[in-house]
Protein backbone atom coordinates (compact mmCIF):
# COMPACT_ATOMS: atom_id res chain seq x y z
CA MET A 1 19.03 -18.85 -56.23
CA THR A 2 20.64 -17.49 -59.41
CA ILE A 3 23.20 -14.66 -58.93
CA LEU A 4 24.75 -12.27 -61.22
CA ALA A 5 26.67 -13.89 -63.89
CA GLY A 6 30.41 -13.70 -63.29
CA ALA A 7 30.09 -11.85 -60.05
CA PRO A 8 31.65 -13.16 -56.90
CA ARG A 9 29.18 -13.72 -54.04
CA THR A 10 30.31 -11.14 -51.58
CA SER A 11 28.45 -9.16 -48.81
CA ARG A 12 29.22 -5.91 -50.75
CA GLU A 13 27.64 -6.93 -54.11
CA GLY A 14 24.21 -5.92 -53.42
CA LEU A 15 22.78 -2.28 -53.67
CA PHE A 16 21.83 -1.98 -50.18
CA GLU A 17 25.42 -3.06 -48.82
CA ARG A 18 27.22 -0.93 -51.40
CA VAL A 19 25.18 2.14 -50.50
CA ILE A 20 25.62 1.61 -46.67
CA ALA A 21 29.30 1.08 -47.06
CA MET A 22 29.58 4.63 -48.65
CA LEU A 23 27.27 6.08 -46.11
CA ASP A 24 29.36 4.60 -43.33
CA MET A 25 32.29 6.67 -44.53
CA VAL A 26 30.06 9.79 -44.95
CA ARG A 27 28.72 9.49 -41.47
CA SER A 28 32.29 9.86 -40.07
CA ILE A 29 32.92 13.29 -41.64
CA PRO A 30 32.43 16.44 -39.55
CA ASP A 31 29.22 18.58 -39.86
CA ASP A 32 31.40 21.70 -40.61
CA LEU A 33 33.41 20.01 -43.35
CA SER A 34 35.70 22.58 -45.09
CA ASP A 35 35.97 23.33 -48.90
CA GLU A 36 39.52 21.65 -48.98
CA GLU A 37 38.21 18.54 -47.06
CA SER A 38 35.20 18.23 -49.29
CA GLU A 39 37.55 18.28 -52.36
CA GLY A 40 39.60 15.55 -50.67
CA VAL A 41 36.56 13.39 -49.99
CA ILE A 42 35.44 13.78 -53.60
CA ALA A 43 38.77 12.94 -54.97
CA LEU A 44 38.92 9.64 -53.28
CA MET A 45 35.56 8.41 -54.86
CA PRO A 46 34.97 6.53 -58.07
CA PRO A 47 33.65 8.82 -60.91
CA ASP A 48 29.85 8.07 -60.44
CA VAL A 49 30.04 8.59 -56.82
CA ALA A 50 32.15 11.63 -56.94
CA GLU A 51 29.57 13.23 -59.23
CA THR A 52 26.92 12.71 -56.78
CA LEU A 53 29.10 14.04 -53.65
CA GLU A 54 30.20 16.92 -55.75
CA GLY A 55 26.46 18.13 -55.86
CA PHE A 56 25.79 17.23 -52.22
CA LEU A 57 28.95 18.83 -50.84
CA ASN A 58 28.52 22.13 -52.77
CA PRO A 59 28.87 24.84 -50.21
CA ARG A 60 25.41 26.19 -50.83
CA VAL A 61 23.80 22.84 -49.53
CA ARG A 62 26.72 21.11 -47.72
CA ARG A 63 25.38 21.43 -44.16
CA ALA A 64 22.09 20.20 -45.08
CA SER A 65 23.41 17.39 -47.27
CA ILE A 66 25.58 16.04 -44.45
CA ALA A 67 22.58 16.16 -42.05
CA TYR A 68 20.44 14.22 -44.65
CA LEU A 69 23.14 11.65 -45.43
CA LYS A 70 23.73 11.02 -41.76
CA MET A 71 20.01 10.54 -41.27
CA ILE A 72 19.85 8.07 -44.15
CA GLY A 73 22.88 6.33 -42.92
CA LYS A 74 21.12 5.82 -39.52
CA TRP A 75 18.01 4.58 -41.20
CA MET A 76 19.86 1.89 -43.18
CA ASP A 77 22.02 1.10 -40.17
CA GLU A 78 18.90 0.49 -38.08
CA ALA A 79 17.77 -2.04 -40.82
CA ARG A 80 21.07 -3.85 -40.72
CA GLU A 81 21.07 -4.06 -36.92
CA ALA A 82 17.38 -5.29 -36.99
CA LYS A 83 18.46 -8.37 -39.10
CA GLU A 84 21.11 -9.04 -36.35
CA THR A 85 18.72 -8.72 -33.43
CA GLY A 86 15.73 -10.56 -34.70
CA LYS A 87 13.57 -7.50 -35.48
CA LYS A 88 11.40 -7.34 -38.59
CA VAL A 89 12.57 -5.26 -41.70
CA ILE A 90 9.38 -4.20 -43.54
CA LEU A 91 9.93 -2.99 -47.09
CA VAL A 92 7.45 -0.12 -47.86
CA PRO A 93 6.75 1.92 -51.03
CA PHE A 94 7.24 5.69 -51.34
CA ASN A 95 3.59 6.37 -50.66
CA PHE A 96 3.38 4.63 -47.35
CA VAL A 97 3.63 6.27 -43.91
CA PRO A 98 6.90 4.95 -42.25
CA GLU A 99 5.90 6.48 -39.04
CA LEU A 100 3.55 3.69 -38.58
CA ILE A 101 6.49 1.17 -38.67
CA HIS A 102 8.54 3.42 -36.60
CA ALA A 103 5.69 3.03 -33.85
CA PHE A 104 6.78 -0.52 -33.50
CA GLU A 105 9.66 -1.46 -31.07
CA ASN A 106 10.43 -4.57 -33.14
CA ALA A 107 10.33 -3.42 -36.67
CA VAL A 108 12.00 -0.98 -38.92
CA PRO A 109 10.89 0.40 -42.43
CA LEU A 110 12.92 0.38 -45.70
CA THR A 111 11.58 2.26 -48.70
CA SER A 112 12.54 0.66 -51.99
CA GLU A 113 12.35 3.93 -54.05
CA VAL A 114 14.77 5.77 -51.72
CA LEU A 115 17.24 2.84 -51.95
CA THR A 116 17.01 3.01 -55.72
CA SER A 117 17.51 6.80 -55.68
CA LEU A 118 20.54 6.48 -53.54
CA GLY A 119 21.99 3.56 -55.74
CA ALA A 120 21.27 5.69 -58.89
CA GLY A 121 23.75 8.35 -57.50
CA ALA A 122 25.83 6.80 -54.72
CA ILE A 123 27.41 3.61 -56.26
CA GLU A 124 29.59 3.12 -59.31
CA GLY A 125 27.42 1.96 -62.26
CA LYS A 126 24.36 3.67 -60.92
CA GLY A 127 22.57 0.50 -60.25
CA HIS A 128 22.20 -0.56 -63.87
CA ARG A 129 23.41 -4.06 -63.27
CA TYR A 130 20.35 -4.63 -61.02
CA TRP A 131 17.96 -3.47 -63.51
CA ASP A 132 19.62 -5.69 -66.06
CA TYR A 133 19.32 -8.73 -63.72
CA ALA A 134 15.65 -7.95 -63.30
CA MET A 135 15.04 -7.88 -67.03
CA GLY A 136 16.98 -11.13 -67.26
CA LEU A 137 14.30 -12.71 -64.97
CA GLY A 138 11.68 -11.80 -67.56
CA ILE A 139 10.27 -8.73 -65.73
CA PRO A 140 8.96 -6.31 -68.33
CA ASP A 141 10.85 -3.06 -69.02
CA HIS A 142 7.81 -1.00 -68.64
CA LEU A 143 7.69 -1.61 -64.91
CA CYS A 144 9.19 1.44 -62.89
CA SER A 145 12.85 1.53 -62.40
CA SER A 146 12.24 3.38 -59.00
CA SER A 147 11.49 0.02 -57.50
CA THR A 148 13.04 -2.40 -59.97
CA ILE A 149 16.66 -1.37 -59.44
CA GLU A 150 16.57 -1.96 -55.65
CA LEU A 151 14.38 -5.06 -55.89
CA GLY A 152 16.37 -6.45 -58.73
CA SER A 153 19.37 -6.36 -56.39
CA MET A 154 17.34 -8.00 -53.73
CA LEU A 155 16.31 -10.77 -56.16
CA THR A 156 19.89 -11.72 -56.90
CA GLY A 157 20.27 -13.33 -53.41
CA GLN A 158 23.37 -11.24 -52.69
CA ASP A 159 21.67 -8.28 -51.09
CA PHE A 160 19.90 -7.44 -47.90
CA GLU A 161 16.48 -8.95 -47.91
CA ALA A 162 13.34 -7.64 -46.18
CA ASP A 163 11.15 -9.84 -43.99
CA ALA A 164 7.75 -8.56 -45.27
CA ILE A 165 6.47 -6.01 -47.73
CA VAL A 166 3.77 -3.47 -47.37
CA SER A 167 1.95 -2.38 -50.70
CA SER A 168 -0.09 0.69 -50.83
CA THR A 169 0.40 1.55 -54.43
CA ALA A 170 -2.49 -0.40 -56.20
CA GLY A 171 -4.22 2.23 -58.34
CA ALA A 172 -1.70 4.97 -57.36
CA CYS A 173 1.30 3.41 -59.04
CA ASP A 174 0.33 -0.04 -60.79
CA ALA A 175 3.90 -0.69 -61.91
CA ASN A 176 5.20 -0.33 -58.27
CA SER A 177 2.58 -2.65 -56.88
CA LYS A 178 3.21 -5.47 -59.40
CA ILE A 179 7.00 -5.56 -58.80
CA HIS A 180 6.44 -5.67 -55.16
CA GLU A 181 3.92 -8.45 -55.60
CA PHE A 182 6.40 -10.36 -57.75
CA VAL A 183 9.28 -10.04 -55.23
CA ALA A 184 7.05 -11.16 -52.30
CA HIS A 185 6.07 -14.34 -54.30
CA TYR A 186 9.66 -14.91 -55.59
CA LEU A 187 11.27 -14.70 -52.12
CA GLY A 188 8.40 -16.28 -50.33
CA ILE A 189 7.86 -13.39 -47.79
CA PRO A 190 4.40 -12.01 -46.76
CA GLN A 191 2.93 -9.02 -48.27
CA PHE A 192 0.41 -6.70 -46.57
CA ILE A 193 -1.89 -4.52 -48.81
CA LEU A 194 -3.40 -1.27 -48.05
CA GLU A 195 -5.92 -0.49 -50.76
CA LYS A 196 -7.31 2.97 -51.32
CA PRO A 197 -10.92 3.31 -52.86
CA VAL A 198 -11.16 5.69 -55.56
CA ASP A 199 -14.19 7.10 -53.75
CA ASP A 200 -13.03 10.22 -51.96
CA THR A 201 -16.38 10.82 -50.33
CA GLU A 202 -16.97 10.16 -46.65
CA ARG A 203 -18.03 6.60 -47.50
CA GLY A 204 -14.71 6.04 -49.34
CA ARG A 205 -12.82 7.62 -46.57
CA GLU A 206 -14.39 5.29 -43.90
CA GLN A 207 -13.58 2.26 -46.14
CA PHE A 208 -9.95 3.37 -46.28
CA ARG A 209 -9.87 3.81 -42.45
CA ARG A 210 -11.20 0.22 -42.14
CA ASN A 211 -8.54 -0.91 -44.47
CA PHE A 212 -5.85 0.87 -42.55
CA TYR A 213 -6.90 -0.51 -39.21
CA ARG A 214 -7.04 -4.05 -40.75
CA LEU A 215 -3.43 -3.52 -41.88
CA VAL A 216 -2.36 -2.30 -38.32
CA SER A 217 -3.96 -5.42 -36.88
CA ASN A 218 -2.15 -7.71 -39.34
CA LEU A 219 1.19 -5.96 -38.74
CA GLU A 220 0.75 -6.31 -35.02
CA GLU A 221 0.15 -9.91 -35.38
CA TYR A 222 3.04 -10.53 -37.76
CA ILE A 223 5.52 -8.52 -35.62
CA GLY A 224 4.21 -9.92 -32.51
CA GLU A 225 3.82 -6.61 -30.85
CA GLU A 226 0.82 -4.23 -30.13
CA ILE A 227 1.78 -0.64 -30.89
CA SER A 228 1.96 1.17 -27.49
CA GLU A 229 0.32 4.60 -27.13
CA GLU A 230 3.33 6.01 -25.46
CA ARG A 231 5.78 5.16 -28.37
CA LEU A 232 3.09 6.16 -30.81
CA ARG A 233 2.79 9.68 -29.20
CA ASP A 234 6.57 10.04 -29.37
CA VAL A 235 6.43 9.30 -33.03
CA VAL A 236 3.46 11.59 -33.78
CA GLU A 237 5.00 14.52 -31.81
CA ASN A 238 8.01 14.21 -34.03
CA CYS A 239 5.74 14.14 -37.16
CA ASN A 240 3.85 17.23 -35.99
CA ARG A 241 7.20 19.14 -35.41
CA ALA A 242 8.54 18.12 -38.88
CA ALA A 243 5.28 19.21 -40.44
CA GLU A 244 5.74 22.75 -38.87
CA LEU A 245 9.16 22.89 -40.34
CA HIS A 246 7.80 21.60 -43.70
CA TYR A 247 5.43 24.47 -43.97
CA GLN A 248 8.07 26.98 -42.89
CA LEU A 249 10.14 25.90 -45.94
CA TRP A 250 6.99 26.29 -48.14
CA GLU A 251 6.63 29.93 -46.98
CA LEU A 252 10.34 30.59 -47.55
CA LYS A 253 9.96 29.33 -51.15
CA LYS A 254 7.51 32.07 -51.82
CA ASN A 255 10.21 34.66 -51.75
CA VAL A 256 11.74 35.92 -55.08
CA PRO A 257 14.40 34.80 -55.64
CA CYS A 258 13.76 31.51 -53.83
CA PRO A 259 16.09 31.20 -50.92
CA VAL A 260 15.56 27.45 -50.56
CA PRO A 261 18.13 25.52 -52.60
CA ASN A 262 16.59 23.28 -55.31
CA LEU A 263 18.24 20.11 -53.77
CA PHE A 264 16.14 20.65 -50.60
CA SER A 265 13.08 19.60 -52.43
CA PHE A 266 14.48 16.05 -52.80
CA PHE A 267 15.69 16.08 -49.14
CA VAL A 268 12.25 16.96 -47.87
CA TYR A 269 10.68 13.96 -49.20
CA GLY A 270 13.65 11.87 -48.56
CA CYS A 271 12.82 12.64 -44.90
CA ARG A 272 9.16 11.99 -45.37
CA PHE A 273 9.64 8.57 -46.93
CA THR A 274 12.28 7.30 -44.40
CA MET A 275 12.56 8.88 -40.87
CA TRP A 276 9.37 10.72 -40.47
CA GLY A 277 8.44 10.52 -36.91
CA ARG A 278 11.86 10.37 -35.77
CA PRO A 279 14.10 13.11 -34.21
CA GLU A 280 16.62 12.65 -37.02
CA ALA A 281 14.07 13.82 -39.59
CA VAL A 282 13.15 16.82 -37.37
CA ARG A 283 16.85 17.70 -37.19
CA CYS A 284 17.35 17.49 -40.92
CA MET A 285 14.31 19.75 -41.47
CA GLU A 286 15.64 22.12 -38.97
CA VAL A 287 18.96 22.50 -40.86
CA MET A 288 17.15 23.11 -44.20
CA VAL A 289 15.00 25.83 -42.64
CA GLU A 290 18.06 27.43 -40.91
CA GLU A 291 20.16 27.38 -44.15
CA SER A 292 17.11 28.86 -46.19
CA ARG A 293 16.65 31.73 -43.70
CA ARG A 294 20.24 32.50 -43.71
CA ARG A 295 20.34 32.64 -47.47
CA LEU A 296 17.17 34.90 -47.42
CA GLU A 297 18.70 37.24 -44.88
CA ALA A 298 22.04 37.28 -46.85
CA GLY A 299 20.30 37.80 -50.25
CA GLU A 300 22.22 34.74 -51.54
CA TYR A 301 21.23 33.28 -54.94
CA PRO A 302 23.78 31.56 -57.29
CA ALA A 303 22.69 33.38 -60.50
CA PRO A 304 22.58 36.95 -61.25
CA ARG A 305 18.66 36.79 -61.25
CA GLU A 306 15.93 34.35 -60.84
CA LEU A 307 14.75 33.77 -64.48
CA ALA A 308 12.11 31.07 -63.87
CA ARG A 309 10.01 29.57 -61.02
CA VAL A 310 9.46 25.94 -61.97
CA GLY A 311 6.88 23.47 -60.78
CA TRP A 312 7.70 19.96 -61.58
CA LEU A 313 4.33 18.44 -62.33
CA TYR A 314 5.52 14.82 -61.57
CA VAL A 315 8.85 13.44 -60.26
CA GLY A 316 12.24 14.88 -60.95
CA TYR A 317 15.44 13.03 -62.15
CA TYR A 318 17.79 11.26 -59.73
CA ILE A 319 20.59 10.26 -62.05
CA ASP A 320 22.64 13.37 -61.46
CA TYR A 321 21.80 15.57 -58.52
CA ASN A 322 24.38 18.18 -59.38
CA GLY A 323 23.45 18.16 -63.03
CA LEU A 324 19.77 18.74 -62.42
CA PHE A 325 19.13 20.52 -59.09
CA ASN A 326 22.38 22.54 -58.68
CA TRP A 327 22.57 23.13 -62.51
CA MET A 328 19.11 24.68 -62.72
CA GLU A 329 19.70 26.99 -59.70
CA GLU A 330 22.96 28.17 -61.28
CA GLN A 331 21.02 29.12 -64.40
CA GLY A 332 18.40 31.04 -62.53
CA TYR A 333 15.77 28.27 -62.63
CA SER A 334 14.24 27.62 -59.21
CA TYR A 335 13.04 24.11 -58.62
CA LEU A 336 9.98 24.90 -56.27
CA PHE A 337 8.43 21.51 -55.98
CA ASP A 338 7.58 18.15 -57.58
CA VAL A 339 4.75 15.91 -56.90
CA LEU A 340 6.38 14.05 -54.22
CA ASP A 341 6.62 17.12 -52.12
CA LEU A 342 2.87 17.45 -52.07
CA PHE A 343 2.08 15.49 -48.91
CA PHE A 344 0.50 18.33 -47.15
CA PRO A 345 0.88 17.15 -43.48
CA ASP A 346 -1.80 18.06 -40.92
CA PRO A 347 -1.24 18.33 -37.19
CA ILE A 348 -2.29 14.94 -35.55
CA PRO A 349 -4.15 15.11 -32.25
CA THR A 350 -2.20 13.13 -29.48
CA ASP A 351 -5.27 12.67 -27.25
CA SER A 352 -5.52 8.95 -27.64
CA ARG A 353 -4.13 6.04 -29.56
CA GLU A 354 -7.20 6.03 -31.68
CA THR A 355 -6.83 9.80 -32.66
CA MET A 356 -3.12 9.31 -33.53
CA LEU A 357 -3.83 6.31 -35.57
CA ASP A 358 -6.67 8.19 -37.36
CA GLY A 359 -4.23 11.10 -38.06
CA VAL A 360 -1.57 8.67 -39.49
CA CYS A 361 -4.33 7.00 -41.64
CA GLU A 362 -5.30 10.40 -43.08
CA ALA A 363 -1.76 11.09 -43.94
CA ALA A 364 -1.54 7.88 -45.74
CA ARG A 365 -4.83 8.61 -47.69
CA ARG A 366 -3.52 11.99 -48.86
CA PHE A 367 0.09 10.89 -49.86
CA PRO A 368 1.49 12.02 -53.16
CA MET A 369 0.17 9.99 -56.03
CA THR A 370 -2.28 8.20 -53.80
CA ARG A 371 -4.24 11.41 -53.68
CA GLN A 372 -3.81 12.15 -57.45
CA MET A 373 -3.54 8.90 -59.34
CA GLY A 374 -5.71 7.12 -56.85
CA ALA A 375 -8.49 9.68 -57.07
CA ASP A 376 -12.01 9.13 -58.55
CA SER A 377 -10.67 11.40 -61.51
CA MET A 378 -6.84 11.30 -61.86
CA SER A 379 -6.78 14.26 -64.34
CA VAL A 380 -9.11 16.50 -62.12
CA ALA A 381 -7.04 15.73 -58.84
CA TRP A 382 -3.77 16.29 -60.64
CA ILE A 383 -4.94 19.53 -62.37
CA ASP A 384 -6.27 20.94 -59.12
CA ASP A 385 -2.93 20.29 -57.28
CA ALA A 386 -0.81 21.49 -60.17
CA VAL A 387 -2.80 24.75 -60.66
CA HIS A 388 -3.05 25.35 -56.84
CA MET A 389 0.79 24.86 -56.14
CA CYS A 390 1.81 26.88 -59.12
CA ARG A 391 -0.37 29.76 -58.20
CA GLU A 392 0.47 29.56 -54.58
CA MET A 393 4.21 29.39 -55.24
CA ASN A 394 4.08 31.99 -58.13
CA ALA A 395 5.62 29.45 -60.56
CA ASN A 396 5.73 30.72 -64.14
CA CYS A 397 6.27 27.28 -65.93
CA GLY A 398 5.91 23.61 -65.34
CA ILE A 399 7.99 20.54 -66.29
CA TYR A 400 6.89 17.02 -66.79
CA CYS A 401 9.71 14.49 -66.56
CA GLY A 402 8.07 11.99 -68.99
CA HIS A 403 9.17 8.83 -67.11
CA HIS A 404 8.38 6.06 -69.45
CA ALA A 405 6.95 3.62 -66.91
CA CYS A 406 4.18 6.13 -65.80
CA LYS A 407 1.64 5.39 -68.41
CA GLN A 408 -1.15 6.79 -66.16
CA THR A 409 0.44 10.19 -66.21
CA TRP A 410 1.14 10.07 -69.98
CA SER A 411 -2.53 9.43 -70.56
CA VAL A 412 -3.51 12.76 -69.14
CA ILE A 413 -0.49 15.23 -69.28
CA SER A 414 -1.85 16.94 -72.29
CA ILE A 415 -4.86 17.88 -70.33
CA VAL A 416 -3.02 19.05 -67.47
CA GLN A 417 -0.69 20.94 -69.72
CA LYS A 418 -3.65 22.77 -71.36
CA GLU A 419 -5.43 23.57 -68.04
CA LEU A 420 -2.20 25.01 -66.62
CA MET A 421 -1.83 27.36 -69.43
CA ASP A 422 -5.41 28.38 -69.60
CA ARG A 423 -5.90 28.91 -65.85
CA ILE A 424 -2.67 30.63 -64.99
CA GLY A 425 -0.79 31.10 -68.10
CA ALA A 426 2.10 28.82 -67.36
CA PRO A 427 3.52 26.82 -70.15
CA THR A 428 4.77 23.23 -69.62
CA LEU A 429 7.76 21.41 -70.92
CA CYS A 430 7.30 17.68 -71.51
CA LEU A 431 10.53 15.77 -71.36
CA GLN A 432 11.16 12.01 -72.09
CA GLY A 433 13.53 10.00 -69.91
CA ASP A 434 13.88 7.66 -67.07
CA ALA A 435 14.23 9.26 -63.71
CA TRP A 436 16.45 6.50 -62.34
CA LEU A 437 18.21 5.04 -65.34
CA SER A 438 20.91 7.28 -66.84
CA GLY A 439 21.13 5.18 -70.04
CA MET A 440 17.73 6.25 -71.25
CA THR A 441 18.33 10.09 -71.72
CA PRO A 442 21.53 11.61 -70.60
CA MET A 443 21.57 14.63 -68.33
CA SER A 444 23.16 16.78 -70.92
CA ARG A 445 20.23 16.29 -73.28
CA LEU A 446 17.85 17.02 -70.51
CA GLN A 447 19.68 20.18 -69.65
CA GLY A 448 19.59 21.25 -73.31
CA ASP A 449 15.86 20.72 -73.50
CA ILE A 450 15.28 22.73 -70.24
CA ASP A 451 17.61 25.55 -71.29
CA GLU A 452 16.03 25.88 -74.68
CA PHE A 453 12.45 25.93 -73.25
CA MET A 454 13.40 28.58 -70.70
CA LYS A 455 15.22 30.82 -73.04
CA ASN A 456 12.78 30.64 -75.95
CA VAL A 457 9.44 30.21 -74.15
CA VAL A 458 9.36 31.13 -70.49
CA ILE A 459 11.69 34.15 -70.37
CA LYS A 460 10.43 35.69 -73.57
CA ARG A 461 6.93 35.18 -72.27
CA ARG A 462 7.65 36.49 -68.92
CA ARG A 463 8.99 39.82 -70.32
CA VAL A 464 5.71 40.36 -72.27
CA HIS A 465 2.93 38.77 -70.15
CA ARG A 466 3.73 37.89 -66.60
CA PRO A 467 6.78 39.36 -64.68
CA LEU A 468 7.59 37.87 -61.37
CA ARG A 469 6.59 39.96 -58.48
């Protein structure tokens, strides 16, 4: 197989191996890292890595960041160990339920978009070389970088390779589904597809349930193991506990100013897409709730005043965590949620294997983007969620990231923008950039656009029309 031109074939050339090498170091640091020790760790890193760690090790978020990075390190380490012990590594997309794979004794999940997000911030060069390699294979540049960066690395032959792929993005994210299909064919590994009908009536739900149970059966046959009720119950109980903590964070976000750090929005769905159903995710969620409550009680907020409460209508930007999440908070702009936070977990009954699988199935059906972009009317579903969440969280504006690969959302954002303004009086900023490729639109430009929108539209409008309660 062709490899990166001019690059030595080493175990550390792929994105997975480069990220896990960094996380192996992070996992050795103490949970109560001091300011001086944080500065020392950051000083040892290359510039791109140091930039990310500076954001993660900010005192406001440090304790939760360390818990999150250690959880992610364990998640990746389990995949590495699975290869060594003969277990199956199943590559899954962001909108698939990892708890189903965690319910198997002999399989572990890896999520391509999470790996890309880690690479975009945690390795020198931000993963651009893997995008370039994918483009060199003839993959069109309008496919989404969220998957293409990690899968481009996998295609080089120098990186960690999955044993199989689950796709649940057809209709919800066509760009994602096509790159997963290409990789499965290119590497000669099986692909298991979970299709969601656009029909959200009872008939459509029953069809999705049949599709889900067929997927479970196919995975059991491939892995060579039937999911045990006892192991599934352990996983579901952890899901239920994490769901409770998730809603506690939502309630905390309703306070003005918001006591939940902006970066926690990313951490929450990072938990959901990787270790949901595991005690490590529960622990990470607990730390976020504890830190947010502490900030609420202490009245801590990094700016003199909360000036804007922002609902991100699609995804955020993952090219500079410090430059987006922490910077916004320091300006007084609270990042309340983006679309990936909107998975709304329900308690899952643990009465039987069937009731638990039904609960996991319903969680998959209601996943972010599956529910909106895979609905019978994408614009109606997206508008309903955007209006409901902005009203619920007392958001006074919206931001659309304008990711160039998301042609579906570009086709209806003007409708969403108008409805949000008409229904709750919240203006929307439409940006243009790539959420995972820093070469598309630099963070400094995005900061400038956000700042201009806030000062010239949101803050002036709030003074006249809609003061925050």
